[in-house]
Amino acid sequence: MLIIAAVLFAIAAIGGAAMAYVHFKQDKNPPIPLAVLHGLLAATALVILILAVVQLGATTVTAWATGLFVVAALGGFFLVSYHVRGRRLPSPVVVIHALVAVVAFLLLVVGVASVA
């Protein structure tokens, strides 16, 4: 289950990188369908990760990864609130959201490697 969560987060990260490109290089909000896909993939991965941590027991690394992904998700909800209102996404929040998610993903990969 941890591997499935990691793969889904990796796919979500590709969408996140594409959205960051649109935000910073094209100076506009990313397309809503891409944002929805990114959010659904990440949310699905987070639910699977939480189930895996509860069922398998959390290592320190996977517990930190889960907590950081929850923080990233909260940042994502904040960004969605701007998107829905048609307002420009705040760049600092985009960067923090991405950095927290990347750190969480790296911790998850370490956690997967330690379990395997």
C-alpha atoms as a PDB file:
ATOM      1  CA  MET A   1       0.000   0.000   0.000  1.00  0.00           C
ATOM      2  CA  LEU A   2       2.880   2.351   0.716  1.00  0.00           C
ATOM      3  CA  ILE A   3       4.201   1.811  -2.794  1.00  0.00           C
ATOM      4  CA  ILE A   4       0.791   2.539  -4.314  1.00  0.00           C
ATOM      5  CA  ALA A   5       0.583   5.768  -2.307  1.00  0.00           C
ATOM      6  CA  ALA A   6       4.101   6.740  -3.410  1.00  0.00           C
ATOM      7  CA  VAL A   7       3.294   6.106  -7.082  1.00  0.00           C
ATOM      8  CA  LEU A   8       0.082   8.147  -6.876  1.00  0.00           C
ATOM      9  CA  PHE A   9       1.927  10.985  -5.137  1.00  0.00           C
ATOM     10  CA  ALA A  10       4.598  10.871  -7.870  1.00  0.00           C
ATOM     11  CA  ILE A  11       1.957  11.179 -10.585  1.00  0.00           C
ATOM     12  CA  ALA A  12       0.284  14.008  -8.638  1.00  0.00           C
ATOM     13  CA  ALA A  13       3.689  15.709  -8.400  1.00  0.00           C
ATOM     14  CA  ILE A  14       4.005  15.720 -12.183  1.00  0.00           C
ATOM     15  CA  GLY A  15       0.688  17.555 -12.365  1.00  0.00           C
ATOM     16  CA  GLY A  16       1.851  19.881  -9.604  1.00  0.00           C
ATOM     17  CA  ALA A  17       5.025  20.688 -11.515  1.00  0.00           C
ATOM     18  CA  ALA A  18       2.975  21.437 -14.626  1.00  0.00           C
ATOM     19  CA  MET A  19       0.724  23.733 -12.617  1.00  0.00           C
ATOM     20  CA  ALA A  20       3.722  25.509 -11.083  1.00  0.00           C
ATOM     21  CA  TYR A  21       5.077  26.055 -14.594  1.00  0.00           C
ATOM     22  CA  VAL A  22       1.797  27.636 -15.682  1.00  0.00           C
ATOM     23  CA  HIS A  23       1.668  29.759 -12.535  1.00  0.00           C
ATOM     24  CA  PHE A  24       5.227  31.080 -12.664  1.00  0.00           C
ATOM     25  CA  LYS A  25       6.128  31.036 -16.367  1.00  0.00           C
ATOM     26  CA  GLN A  26       2.788  31.826 -17.994  1.00  0.00           C
ATOM     27  CA  ASP A  27       1.703  34.095 -15.143  1.00  0.00           C
ATOM     28  CA  LYS A  28      -1.816  32.695 -14.842  1.00  0.00           C
ATOM     29  CA  ASN A  29      -3.736  30.187 -12.790  1.00  0.00           C
ATOM     30  CA  PRO A  30      -3.425  26.596 -13.973  1.00  0.00           C
ATOM     31  CA  PRO A  31      -6.356  24.973 -15.780  1.00  0.00           C
ATOM     32  CA  ILE A  32      -9.040  23.746 -13.411  1.00  0.00           C
ATOM     33  CA  PRO A  33      -9.136  20.181 -14.850  1.00  0.00           C
ATOM     34  CA  LEU A  34      -5.411  19.798 -14.113  1.00  0.00           C
ATOM     35  CA  ALA A  35      -5.890  21.165 -10.605  1.00  0.00           C
ATOM     36  CA  VAL A  36      -8.789  18.761  -9.995  1.00  0.00           C
ATOM     37  CA  LEU A  37      -6.784  15.775 -11.271  1.00  0.00           C
ATOM     38  CA  HIS A  38      -3.799  16.787  -9.135  1.00  0.00           C
ATOM     39  CA  GLY A  39      -5.996  17.122  -6.061  1.00  0.00           C
ATOM     40  CA  LEU A  40      -7.848  13.846  -6.612  1.00  0.00           C
ATOM     41  CA  LEU A  41      -4.626  11.899  -7.119  1.00  0.00           C
ATOM     42  CA  ALA A  42      -3.004  13.440  -4.056  1.00  0.00           C
ATOM     43  CA  ALA A  43      -6.125  12.955  -1.914  1.00  0.00           C
ATOM     44  CA  THR A  44      -6.406   9.311  -2.982  1.00  0.00           C
ATOM     45  CA  ALA A  45      -2.730   8.777  -2.228  1.00  0.00           C
ATOM     46  CA  LEU A  46      -3.132  10.418   1.186  1.00  0.00           C
ATOM     47  CA  VAL A  47      -6.089   8.199   2.100  1.00  0.00           C
ATOM     48  CA  ILE A  48      -4.133   5.098   1.025  1.00  0.00           C
ATOM     49  CA  LEU A  49      -1.105   6.290   2.994  1.00  0.00           C
ATOM     50  CA  ILE A  50      -3.173   6.878   6.120  1.00  0.00           C
ATOM     51  CA  LEU A  51      -4.762   3.422   5.784  1.00  0.00           C
ATOM     52  CA  ALA A  52      -1.328   1.841   5.321  1.00  0.00           C
ATOM     53  CA  VAL A  53       0.096   3.638   8.335  1.00  0.00           C
ATOM     54  CA  VAL A  54      -2.871   2.605  10.478  1.00  0.00           C
ATOM     55  CA  GLN A  55      -2.842  -1.017   9.288  1.00  0.00           C
ATOM     56  CA  LEU A  56       0.907  -1.607   9.087  1.00  0.00           C
ATOM     57  CA  GLY A  57       1.946   0.677  11.889  1.00  0.00           C
ATOM     58  CA  ALA A  58       3.864   3.846  11.326  1.00  0.00           C
ATOM     59  CA  THR A  59       7.588   4.141  11.404  1.00  0.00           C
ATOM     60  CA  THR A  60       8.882   7.521  12.445  1.00  0.00           C
ATOM     61  CA  VAL A  61       9.614   8.358   8.813  1.00  0.00           C
ATOM     62  CA  THR A  62       6.189   7.358   7.478  1.00  0.00           C
ATOM     63  CA  ALA A  63       4.489   9.188  10.352  1.00  0.00           C
ATOM     64  CA  TRP A  64       6.369  12.374   9.462  1.00  0.00           C
ATOM     65  CA  ALA A  65       5.591  11.880   5.778  1.00  0.00           C
ATOM     66  CA  THR A  66       1.892  11.476   6.561  1.00  0.00           C
ATOM     67  CA  GLY A  67       1.831  14.557   8.766  1.00  0.00           C
ATOM     68  CA  LEU A  68       3.600  16.655   6.154  1.00  0.00           C
ATOM     69  CA  PHE A  69       1.267  15.436   3.411  1.00  0.00           C
ATOM     70  CA  VAL A  70      -1.662  16.533   5.585  1.00  0.00           C
ATOM     71  CA  VAL A  71      -0.056  19.979   5.903  1.00  0.00           C
ATOM     72  CA  ALA A  72       0.475  20.060   2.112  1.00  0.00           C
ATOM     73  CA  ALA A  73      -3.178  19.092   1.610  1.00  0.00           C
ATOM     74  CA  LEU A  74      -4.282  21.971   3.825  1.00  0.00           C
ATOM     75  CA  GLY A  75      -2.178  24.290   1.689  1.00  0.00           C
ATOM     76  CA  GLY A  76      -3.796  22.772  -1.390  1.00  0.00           C
ATOM     77  CA  PHE A  77      -7.281  23.492  -0.010  1.00  0.00           C
ATOM     78  CA  PHE A  78      -6.203  27.071   0.630  1.00  0.00           C
ATOM     79  CA  LEU A  79      -4.993  27.362  -2.973  1.00  0.00           C
ATOM     80  CA  VAL A  80      -8.252  25.856  -4.264  1.00  0.00           C
ATOM     81  CA  SER A  81     -10.160  28.579  -2.415  1.00  0.00           C
ATOM     82  CA  TYR A  82      -8.303  31.178  -4.495  1.00  0.00           C
ATOM     83  CA  HIS A  83      -8.817  29.194  -7.676  1.00  0.00           C
ATOM     84  CA  VAL A  84     -12.568  28.889  -7.138  1.00  0.00           C
ATOM     85  CA  ARG A  85     -12.875  32.639  -6.535  1.00  0.00           C
ATOM     86  CA  GLY A  86     -10.945  33.352  -9.723  1.00  0.00           C
ATOM     87  CA  ARG A  87      -8.137  35.077  -7.838  1.00  0.00           C
ATOM     88  CA  ARG A  88      -4.460  34.708  -8.643  1.00  0.00           C
ATOM     89  CA  LEU A  89      -2.821  32.032  -6.531  1.00  0.00           C
ATOM     90  CA  PRO A  90      -0.428  33.501  -3.965  1.00  0.00           C
ATOM     91  CA  SER A  91       3.076  32.537  -5.098  1.00  0.00           C
ATOM     92  CA  PRO A  92       4.535  32.075  -1.578  1.00  0.00           C
ATOM     93  CA  VAL A  93       1.793  29.569  -0.746  1.00  0.00           C
ATOM     94  CA  VAL A  94       2.397  27.721  -4.036  1.00  0.00           C
ATOM     95  CA  VAL A  95       6.104  27.426  -3.160  1.00  0.00           C
ATOM     96  CA  ILE A  96       5.485  26.350   0.449  1.00  0.00           C
ATOM     97  CA  HIS A  97       2.858  23.817  -0.662  1.00  0.00           C
ATOM     98  CA  ALA A  98       5.314  22.338  -3.153  1.00  0.00           C
ATOM     99  CA  LEU A  99       8.270  22.265  -0.748  1.00  0.00           C
ATOM    100  CA  VAL A 100       6.271  20.578   2.008  1.00  0.00           C
ATOM    101  CA  ALA A 101       4.956  17.997  -0.472  1.00  0.00           C
ATOM    102  CA  VAL A 102       8.454  17.289  -1.847  1.00  0.00           C
ATOM    103  CA  VAL A 103       9.895  16.784   1.643  1.00  0.00           C
ATOM    104  CA  ALA A 104       6.957  14.534   2.542  1.00  0.00           C
ATOM    105  CA  PHE A 105       7.457  12.539  -0.661  1.00  0.00           C
ATOM    106  CA  LEU A 106      11.175  12.072   0.012  1.00  0.00           C
ATOM    107  CA  LEU A 107      10.398  10.890   3.530  1.00  0.00           C
ATOM    108  CA  LEU A 108       7.802   8.483   2.133  1.00  0.00           C
ATOM    109  CA  VAL A 109      10.357   7.060  -0.291  1.00  0.00           C
ATOM    110  CA  VAL A 110      12.778   6.536   2.610  1.00  0.00           C
ATOM    111  CA  GLY A 111       9.968   4.891   4.571  1.00  0.00           C
ATOM    112  CA  VAL A 112       9.084   2.587   1.659  1.00  0.00           C
ATOM    113  CA  ALA A 113      12.752   1.654   1.228  1.00  0.00           C
ATOM    114  CA  SER A 114      13.127   0.855   4.923  1.00  0.00           C
ATOM    115  CA  VAL A 115      10.059  -1.427   4.918  1.00  0.00           C
ATOM    116  CA  ALA A 116      10.988  -3.273   1.707  1.00  0.00           C
END
